[in-house]
Amino acid sequence: MAEHNDLGKWGEEQAALYLKRKGWFIRHRDWHDTHRDLDIVAIDQDSSILLVVEVKTRSSEQWGDPDEAIDVEKQNNILRATAAYVRCHRLDYCQIRYDTISVIGAPDTEVQIIHKENAFDITSHFQYWENRKYQRKKKPGTW
């Protein structure tokens, strides 16, 4: 496995341990729906909130904030995968919260964990796609 994949798996492990310490129960890690995936899916103690976490790991902050890598397209994939997850596991009674966890460091260095709750929401995302849907696309060679 490539070194960056090892770092990513280590970062997801650190994020899962962090969430467990905060009282969350980890339901799944690296859950896949076709080509979409959810890094961590957790649920609270009374099973009322489903937490979907996108984890980004960097060995240093040299290349900027790890959360910057979560663009609108990635958010769209997370939302679609979450919908599939909720259908698959019949969790439509849960509130859904989307968080990000940035893990900065490496196994042999000090680790820094940055947890952003409610990192993005579904309403602003669908407004973006609704606006984009109505943009007229010109075909090449037409006026």
N, C-alpha and C. Protein backbone atom coordinates (compact mmCIF):
# COMPACT_ATOMS: atom_id res chain seq x y z
N MET A 1 0.85 -1.17 0.00
CA MET A 1 0.00 0.00 0.00
C MET A 1 0.89 1.24 0.00
N ALA A 2 0.46 2.24 -0.74
CA ALA A 2 1.24 3.47 -0.86
C ALA A 2 1.30 4.18 0.49
N GLU A 3 2.35 4.96 0.67
CA GLU A 3 2.57 5.65 1.94
C GLU A 3 1.43 6.61 2.28
N HIS A 4 0.88 7.32 1.26
CA HIS A 4 -0.22 8.25 1.55
C HIS A 4 -1.48 7.49 1.95
N ASN A 5 -1.68 6.27 1.42
CA ASN A 5 -2.83 5.45 1.84
C ASN A 5 -2.67 5.01 3.29
N ASP A 6 -1.44 4.64 3.68
CA ASP A 6 -1.18 4.26 5.07
C ASP A 6 -1.46 5.43 6.00
N LEU A 7 -1.04 6.62 5.60
CA LEU A 7 -1.27 7.82 6.41
C LEU A 7 -2.77 8.08 6.54
N GLY A 8 -3.52 7.91 5.46
CA GLY A 8 -4.96 8.11 5.49
C GLY A 8 -5.66 7.13 6.42
N LYS A 9 -5.27 5.87 6.36
CA LYS A 9 -5.86 4.85 7.25
C LYS A 9 -5.52 5.15 8.71
N TRP A 10 -4.29 5.58 8.96
CA TRP A 10 -3.89 5.96 10.31
C TRP A 10 -4.73 7.14 10.80
N GLY A 11 -4.94 8.12 9.93
CA GLY A 11 -5.75 9.30 10.28
C GLY A 11 -7.19 8.92 10.60
N GLU A 12 -7.77 8.01 9.82
CA GLU A 12 -9.13 7.55 10.10
C GLU A 12 -9.20 6.83 11.44
N GLU A 13 -8.16 6.07 11.77
CA GLU A 13 -8.11 5.38 13.06
C GLU A 13 -8.06 6.40 14.20
N GLN A 14 -7.26 7.45 14.05
CA GLN A 14 -7.17 8.49 15.06
C GLN A 14 -8.51 9.20 15.23
N ALA A 15 -9.18 9.47 14.11
CA ALA A 15 -10.48 10.13 14.16
C ALA A 15 -11.53 9.25 14.84
N ALA A 16 -11.51 7.96 14.55
CA ALA A 16 -12.46 7.03 15.18
C ALA A 16 -12.22 6.95 16.69
N LEU A 17 -10.97 6.90 17.10
CA LEU A 17 -10.66 6.88 18.54
C LEU A 17 -11.12 8.17 19.21
N TYR A 18 -10.94 9.29 18.54
CA TYR A 18 -11.38 10.59 19.05
C TYR A 18 -12.89 10.59 19.26
N LEU A 19 -13.65 10.10 18.27
CA LEU A 19 -15.11 10.07 18.38
C LEU A 19 -15.57 9.13 19.49
N LYS A 20 -14.90 8.00 19.64
CA LYS A 20 -15.25 7.07 20.72
C LYS A 20 -15.05 7.73 22.08
N ARG A 21 -13.96 8.49 22.23
CA ARG A 21 -13.73 9.20 23.49
C ARG A 21 -14.81 10.24 23.75
N LYS A 22 -15.41 10.78 22.68
CA LYS A 22 -16.48 11.77 22.80
C LYS A 22 -17.84 11.11 23.05
N GLY A 23 -17.90 9.77 23.06
CA GLY A 23 -19.14 9.08 23.36
C GLY A 23 -19.94 8.59 22.17
N TRP A 24 -19.38 8.68 20.98
CA TRP A 24 -20.07 8.20 19.78
C TRP A 24 -19.80 6.71 19.59
N PHE A 25 -20.79 6.01 19.06
CA PHE A 25 -20.64 4.59 18.70
C PHE A 25 -20.37 4.52 17.20
N ILE A 26 -19.26 3.91 16.83
CA ILE A 26 -18.88 3.81 15.41
C ILE A 26 -19.65 2.66 14.77
N ARG A 27 -20.51 2.99 13.82
CA ARG A 27 -21.28 1.95 13.11
C ARG A 27 -20.47 1.34 11.98
N HIS A 28 -19.87 2.20 11.17
CA HIS A 28 -19.09 1.72 10.02
C HIS A 28 -17.92 2.66 9.76
N ARG A 29 -16.88 2.06 9.21
CA ARG A 29 -15.74 2.83 8.72
C ARG A 29 -15.50 2.43 7.28
N ASP A 30 -15.25 3.43 6.45
CA ASP A 30 -14.98 3.21 5.03
C ASP A 30 -16.11 2.44 4.35
N TRP A 31 -17.34 2.90 4.56
CA TRP A 31 -18.52 2.27 3.97
C TRP A 31 -18.65 2.70 2.52
N HIS A 32 -18.91 1.77 1.61
CA HIS A 32 -18.96 2.06 0.18
C HIS A 32 -20.34 1.84 -0.41
N ASP A 33 -20.72 2.73 -1.30
CA ASP A 33 -21.89 2.60 -2.16
C ASP A 33 -21.42 2.89 -3.56
N THR A 34 -21.26 1.86 -4.36
CA THR A 34 -20.65 1.93 -5.70
C THR A 34 -19.31 2.66 -5.60
N HIS A 35 -19.17 3.82 -6.25
CA HIS A 35 -17.88 4.53 -6.23
C HIS A 35 -17.84 5.63 -5.17
N ARG A 36 -18.86 5.72 -4.34
CA ARG A 36 -18.90 6.71 -3.26
C ARG A 36 -18.59 6.02 -1.94
N ASP A 37 -18.01 6.78 -1.00
CA ASP A 37 -17.70 6.17 0.30
C ASP A 37 -17.95 7.17 1.42
N LEU A 38 -18.15 6.61 2.60
CA LEU A 38 -18.27 7.40 3.83
C LEU A 38 -17.14 6.95 4.73
N ASP A 39 -16.30 7.88 5.18
CA ASP A 39 -15.14 7.53 6.00
C ASP A 39 -15.56 6.93 7.34
N ILE A 40 -16.39 7.65 8.09
CA ILE A 40 -16.86 7.17 9.38
C ILE A 40 -18.35 7.49 9.51
N VAL A 41 -19.11 6.48 9.93
CA VAL A 41 -20.52 6.67 10.24
C VAL A 41 -20.69 6.28 11.71
N ALA A 42 -21.19 7.21 12.51
CA ALA A 42 -21.36 6.97 13.95
C ALA A 42 -22.77 7.35 14.36
N ILE A 43 -23.16 6.89 15.53
CA ILE A 43 -24.48 7.22 16.06
C ILE A 43 -24.33 7.55 17.55
N ASP A 44 -25.18 8.44 18.04
CA ASP A 44 -25.07 8.81 19.45
C ASP A 44 -25.71 7.74 20.34
N GLN A 45 -25.61 7.92 21.64
CA GLN A 45 -26.04 6.90 22.58
C GLN A 45 -27.53 6.61 22.54
N ASP A 46 -28.35 7.60 22.26
CA ASP A 46 -29.79 7.34 22.20
C ASP A 46 -30.30 7.11 20.78
N SER A 47 -29.40 6.91 19.84
CA SER A 47 -29.71 6.58 18.44
C SER A 47 -30.59 7.63 17.76
N SER A 48 -30.39 8.89 18.10
CA SER A 48 -31.20 9.94 17.49
C SER A 48 -30.43 10.73 16.43
N ILE A 49 -29.10 10.74 16.52
CA ILE A 49 -28.29 11.49 15.56
C ILE A 49 -27.32 10.55 14.86
N LEU A 50 -27.39 10.55 13.54
CA LEU A 50 -26.45 9.81 12.72
C LEU A 50 -25.36 10.80 12.30
N LEU A 51 -24.13 10.48 12.63
CA LEU A 51 -23.00 11.36 12.35
C LEU A 51 -22.21 10.80 11.17
N VAL A 52 -22.08 11.59 10.13
CA VAL A 52 -21.30 11.23 8.96
C VAL A 52 -20.06 12.11 8.97
N VAL A 53 -18.89 11.47 9.01
CA VAL A 53 -17.65 12.22 9.16
C VAL A 53 -16.73 11.97 7.96
N GLU A 54 -16.27 13.05 7.38
CA GLU A 54 -15.24 12.99 6.35
C GLU A 54 -13.92 13.31 7.03
N VAL A 55 -12.95 12.42 6.88
CA VAL A 55 -11.66 12.58 7.53
C VAL A 55 -10.61 12.94 6.48
N LYS A 56 -9.85 13.97 6.76
CA LYS A 56 -8.73 14.36 5.90
C LYS A 56 -7.47 14.36 6.75
N THR A 57 -6.46 13.67 6.26
CA THR A 57 -5.21 13.55 7.01
C THR A 57 -4.07 14.15 6.20
N ARG A 58 -3.25 14.92 6.87
CA ARG A 58 -2.05 15.51 6.27
C ARG A 58 -0.90 15.34 7.26
N SER A 59 0.29 15.14 6.75
CA SER A 59 1.45 15.00 7.63
C SER A 59 1.86 16.35 8.21
N SER A 60 1.51 17.43 7.51
CA SER A 60 1.80 18.78 8.01
C SER A 60 0.80 19.75 7.39
N GLU A 61 0.83 20.99 7.86
CA GLU A 61 -0.05 22.01 7.30
C GLU A 61 0.60 22.76 6.14
N GLN A 62 1.66 22.19 5.62
CA GLN A 62 2.41 22.82 4.54
C GLN A 62 1.52 23.13 3.32
N TRP A 63 0.57 22.24 3.01
CA TRP A 63 -0.27 22.40 1.83
C TRP A 63 -1.63 23.00 2.17
N GLY A 64 -1.75 23.62 3.33
CA GLY A 64 -2.99 24.28 3.70
C GLY A 64 -3.90 23.43 4.57
N ASP A 65 -5.07 23.96 4.82
CA ASP A 65 -6.07 23.30 5.66
C ASP A 65 -6.58 22.04 4.95
N PRO A 66 -6.55 20.90 5.61
CA PRO A 66 -7.05 19.67 4.98
C PRO A 66 -8.50 19.76 4.54
N ASP A 67 -9.32 20.55 5.25
CA ASP A 67 -10.73 20.68 4.90
C ASP A 67 -10.94 21.31 3.52
N GLU A 68 -9.96 22.03 3.03
CA GLU A 68 -10.09 22.66 1.71
C GLU A 68 -10.24 21.62 0.61
N ALA A 69 -9.85 20.39 0.87
CA ALA A 69 -9.97 19.33 -0.13
C ALA A 69 -11.40 18.81 -0.26
N ILE A 70 -12.29 19.23 0.63
CA ILE A 70 -13.69 18.79 0.58
C ILE A 70 -14.48 19.84 -0.19
N ASP A 71 -14.51 19.68 -1.50
CA ASP A 71 -15.21 20.63 -2.36
C ASP A 71 -16.68 20.24 -2.51
N VAL A 72 -17.41 20.99 -3.32
CA VAL A 72 -18.84 20.76 -3.50
C VAL A 72 -19.09 19.39 -4.11
N GLU A 73 -18.27 18.97 -5.03
CA GLU A 73 -18.45 17.64 -5.65
C GLU A 73 -18.29 16.53 -4.61
N LYS A 74 -17.30 16.65 -3.74
CA LYS A 74 -17.11 15.67 -2.67
C LYS A 74 -18.29 15.68 -1.71
N GLN A 75 -18.79 16.87 -1.38
CA GLN A 75 -19.97 16.97 -0.52
C GLN A 75 -21.16 16.28 -1.17
N ASN A 76 -21.32 16.47 -2.48
CA ASN A 76 -22.41 15.83 -3.20
C ASN A 76 -22.30 14.30 -3.09
N ASN A 77 -21.10 13.77 -3.25
CA ASN A 77 -20.90 12.33 -3.12
C ASN A 77 -21.22 11.84 -1.71
N ILE A 78 -20.84 12.62 -0.71
CA ILE A 78 -21.13 12.26 0.67
C ILE A 78 -22.64 12.24 0.91
N LEU A 79 -23.34 13.25 0.40
CA LEU A 79 -24.80 13.31 0.56
C LEU A 79 -25.48 12.12 -0.10
N ARG A 80 -25.05 11.77 -1.30
CA ARG A 80 -25.66 10.64 -2.01
C ARG A 80 -25.35 9.31 -1.32
N ALA A 81 -24.13 9.16 -0.86
CA ALA A 81 -23.76 7.94 -0.14
C ALA A 81 -24.54 7.84 1.17
N THR A 82 -24.74 8.98 1.83
CA THR A 82 -25.52 8.99 3.08
C THR A 82 -26.96 8.56 2.82
N ALA A 83 -27.54 9.05 1.74
CA ALA A 83 -28.91 8.66 1.39
C ALA A 83 -28.99 7.14 1.18
N ALA A 84 -28.01 6.57 0.50
CA ALA A 84 -27.97 5.13 0.29
C ALA A 84 -27.79 4.39 1.62
N TYR A 85 -26.95 4.93 2.48
CA TYR A 85 -26.71 4.31 3.79
C TYR A 85 -27.99 4.30 4.63
N VAL A 86 -28.69 5.42 4.65
CA VAL A 86 -29.92 5.53 5.44
C VAL A 86 -30.97 4.54 4.91
N ARG A 87 -31.08 4.44 3.58
CA ARG A 87 -32.03 3.47 3.00
C ARG A 87 -31.63 2.04 3.33
N CYS A 88 -30.37 1.73 3.17
CA CYS A 88 -29.85 0.37 3.38
C CYS A 88 -30.05 -0.09 4.82
N HIS A 89 -29.84 0.79 5.77
CA HIS A 89 -29.90 0.42 7.19
C HIS A 89 -31.19 0.89 7.88
N ARG A 90 -32.11 1.44 7.09
CA ARG A 90 -33.42 1.88 7.60
C ARG A 90 -33.28 2.80 8.80
N LEU A 91 -32.53 3.86 8.61
CA LEU A 91 -32.27 4.83 9.68
C LEU A 91 -32.96 6.17 9.41
N ASP A 92 -34.08 6.15 8.73
CA ASP A 92 -34.74 7.39 8.35
C ASP A 92 -35.33 8.15 9.54
N TYR A 93 -35.31 7.57 10.72
CA TYR A 93 -35.79 8.25 11.93
C TYR A 93 -34.70 9.13 12.56
N CYS A 94 -33.48 9.03 12.10
CA CYS A 94 -32.35 9.77 12.69
C CYS A 94 -32.18 11.15 12.05
N GLN A 95 -31.75 12.10 12.87
CA GLN A 95 -31.24 13.36 12.33
C GLN A 95 -29.86 13.05 11.78
N ILE A 96 -29.46 13.76 10.74
CA ILE A 96 -28.15 13.52 10.14
C ILE A 96 -27.30 14.77 10.31
N ARG A 97 -26.07 14.56 10.76
CA ARG A 97 -25.13 15.67 10.92
C ARG A 97 -23.87 15.32 10.14
N TYR A 98 -23.35 16.31 9.42
CA TYR A 98 -22.14 16.14 8.62
C TYR A 98 -20.99 16.90 9.26
N ASP A 99 -19.98 16.18 9.70
CA ASP A 99 -18.80 16.78 10.33
C ASP A 99 -17.56 16.47 9.50
N THR A 100 -16.52 17.24 9.74
CA THR A 100 -15.20 16.91 9.20
C THR A 100 -14.22 16.82 10.36
N ILE A 101 -13.27 15.93 10.19
CA ILE A 101 -12.17 15.84 11.15
C ILE A 101 -10.87 15.90 10.35
N SER A 102 -10.05 16.87 10.68
CA SER A 102 -8.73 17.00 10.08
C SER A 102 -7.70 16.44 11.05
N VAL A 103 -6.91 15.52 10.57
CA VAL A 103 -5.84 14.93 11.38
C VAL A 103 -4.53 15.41 10.78
N ILE A 104 -3.75 16.12 11.58
CA ILE A 104 -2.47 16.65 11.11
C ILE A 104 -1.37 16.02 11.94
N GLY A 105 -0.48 15.34 11.26
CA GLY A 105 0.61 14.65 11.95
C GLY A 105 0.87 13.30 11.29
N ALA A 106 1.65 12.50 11.95
CA ALA A 106 2.01 11.16 11.46
C ALA A 106 2.20 10.26 12.67
N PRO A 107 2.24 8.94 12.45
CA PRO A 107 2.38 8.03 13.59
C PRO A 107 3.59 8.32 14.48
N ASP A 108 4.65 8.85 13.91
CA ASP A 108 5.87 9.10 14.69
C ASP A 108 5.99 10.55 15.17
N THR A 109 4.93 11.34 14.99
CA THR A 109 4.95 12.74 15.44
C THR A 109 3.72 13.02 16.30
N GLU A 110 3.69 14.22 16.84
CA GLU A 110 2.52 14.63 17.63
C GLU A 110 1.35 14.85 16.68
N VAL A 111 0.17 14.42 17.10
CA VAL A 111 -1.02 14.54 16.26
C VAL A 111 -1.90 15.69 16.73
N GLN A 112 -2.47 16.40 15.76
CA GLN A 112 -3.41 17.48 16.03
C GLN A 112 -4.73 17.10 15.35
N ILE A 113 -5.83 17.12 16.11
CA ILE A 113 -7.15 16.77 15.56
C ILE A 113 -8.04 18.01 15.62
N ILE A 114 -8.60 18.37 14.48
CA ILE A 114 -9.51 19.51 14.38
C ILE A 114 -10.87 18.97 13.95
N HIS A 115 -11.86 19.10 14.83
CA HIS A 115 -13.20 18.58 14.59
C HIS A 115 -14.14 19.75 14.30
N LYS A 116 -14.72 19.76 13.11
CA LYS A 116 -15.69 20.81 12.74
C LYS A 116 -17.07 20.17 12.68
N GLU A 117 -17.92 20.54 13.63
CA GLU A 117 -19.28 20.04 13.65
C GLU A 117 -20.12 20.82 12.65
N ASN A 118 -21.09 20.13 12.07
CA ASN A 118 -21.96 20.74 11.06
C ASN A 118 -21.14 21.46 9.97
N ALA A 119 -20.17 20.75 9.45
CA ALA A 119 -19.24 21.34 8.49
C ALA A 119 -19.94 21.79 7.21
N PHE A 120 -20.96 21.07 6.81
CA PHE A 120 -21.79 21.52 5.69
C PHE A 120 -23.19 20.98 5.91
N ASP A 121 -24.15 21.66 5.28
CA ASP A 121 -25.53 21.22 5.44
C ASP A 121 -26.15 20.96 4.09
N ILE A 122 -27.21 20.22 4.13
CA ILE A 122 -27.84 19.76 2.90
C ILE A 122 -28.58 20.88 2.17
N THR A 123 -29.13 21.86 2.88
CA THR A 123 -29.93 22.88 2.22
C THR A 123 -29.07 23.79 1.33
N SER A 124 -27.93 24.23 1.82
CA SER A 124 -27.09 25.09 0.99
C SER A 124 -26.56 24.32 -0.21
N HIS A 125 -26.34 23.04 -0.02
CA HIS A 125 -25.83 22.22 -1.12
C HIS A 125 -26.87 22.08 -2.23
N PHE A 126 -28.12 21.82 -1.88
CA PHE A 126 -29.13 21.66 -2.91
C PHE A 126 -29.46 22.98 -3.60
N GLN A 127 -29.33 24.10 -2.89
CA GLN A 127 -29.51 25.38 -3.54
C GLN A 127 -28.45 25.57 -4.61
N TYR A 128 -27.22 25.16 -4.34
CA TYR A 128 -26.15 25.26 -5.34
C TYR A 128 -26.50 24.45 -6.58
N TRP A 129 -26.94 23.21 -6.39
CA TRP A 129 -27.24 22.34 -7.53
C TRP A 129 -28.48 22.80 -8.28
N GLU A 130 -29.47 23.36 -7.58
CA GLU A 130 -30.65 23.88 -8.27
C GLU A 130 -30.26 25.05 -9.16
N ASN A 131 -29.42 25.95 -8.66
CA ASN A 131 -28.97 27.09 -9.47
C ASN A 131 -28.16 26.61 -10.65
N ARG A 132 -27.34 25.61 -10.44
CA ARG A 132 -26.48 25.11 -11.51
C ARG A 132 -27.29 24.40 -12.59
N LYS A 133 -28.37 23.76 -12.19
CA LYS A 133 -29.19 23.00 -13.12
C LYS A 133 -29.79 23.91 -14.19
N TYR A 134 -30.09 25.16 -13.82
CA TYR A 134 -30.74 26.07 -14.75
C TYR A 134 -29.76 26.89 -15.59
N GLN A 135 -28.48 26.68 -15.40
CA GLN A 135 -27.51 27.38 -16.24
C GLN A 135 -27.52 26.73 -17.62
N ARG A 136 -27.62 27.56 -18.65
CA ARG A 136 -27.65 27.04 -20.01
C ARG A 136 -26.23 26.72 -20.44
N LYS A 137 -26.06 25.53 -20.93
CA LYS A 137 -24.74 25.13 -21.42
C LYS A 137 -24.74 25.22 -22.95
N LYS A 138 -23.76 25.95 -23.47
CA LYS A 138 -23.64 26.07 -24.92
C LYS A 138 -22.87 24.88 -25.46
N LYS A 139 -23.34 24.36 -26.55
CA LYS A 139 -22.64 23.25 -27.20
C LYS A 139 -21.56 23.84 -28.11
N PRO A 140 -20.46 23.12 -28.26
CA PRO A 140 -19.39 23.62 -29.12
C PRO A 140 -19.92 23.85 -30.54
N GLY A 141 -19.56 24.99 -31.12
CA GLY A 141 -19.95 25.29 -32.50
C GLY A 141 -21.32 25.93 -32.63
N THR A 142 -21.99 26.22 -31.51
CA THR A 142 -23.30 26.87 -31.59
C THR A 142 -23.20 28.27 -30.98
N TRP A 143 -24.15 29.15 -31.37
CA TRP A 143 -24.15 30.51 -30.84
C TRP A 143 -25.29 30.75 -29.95
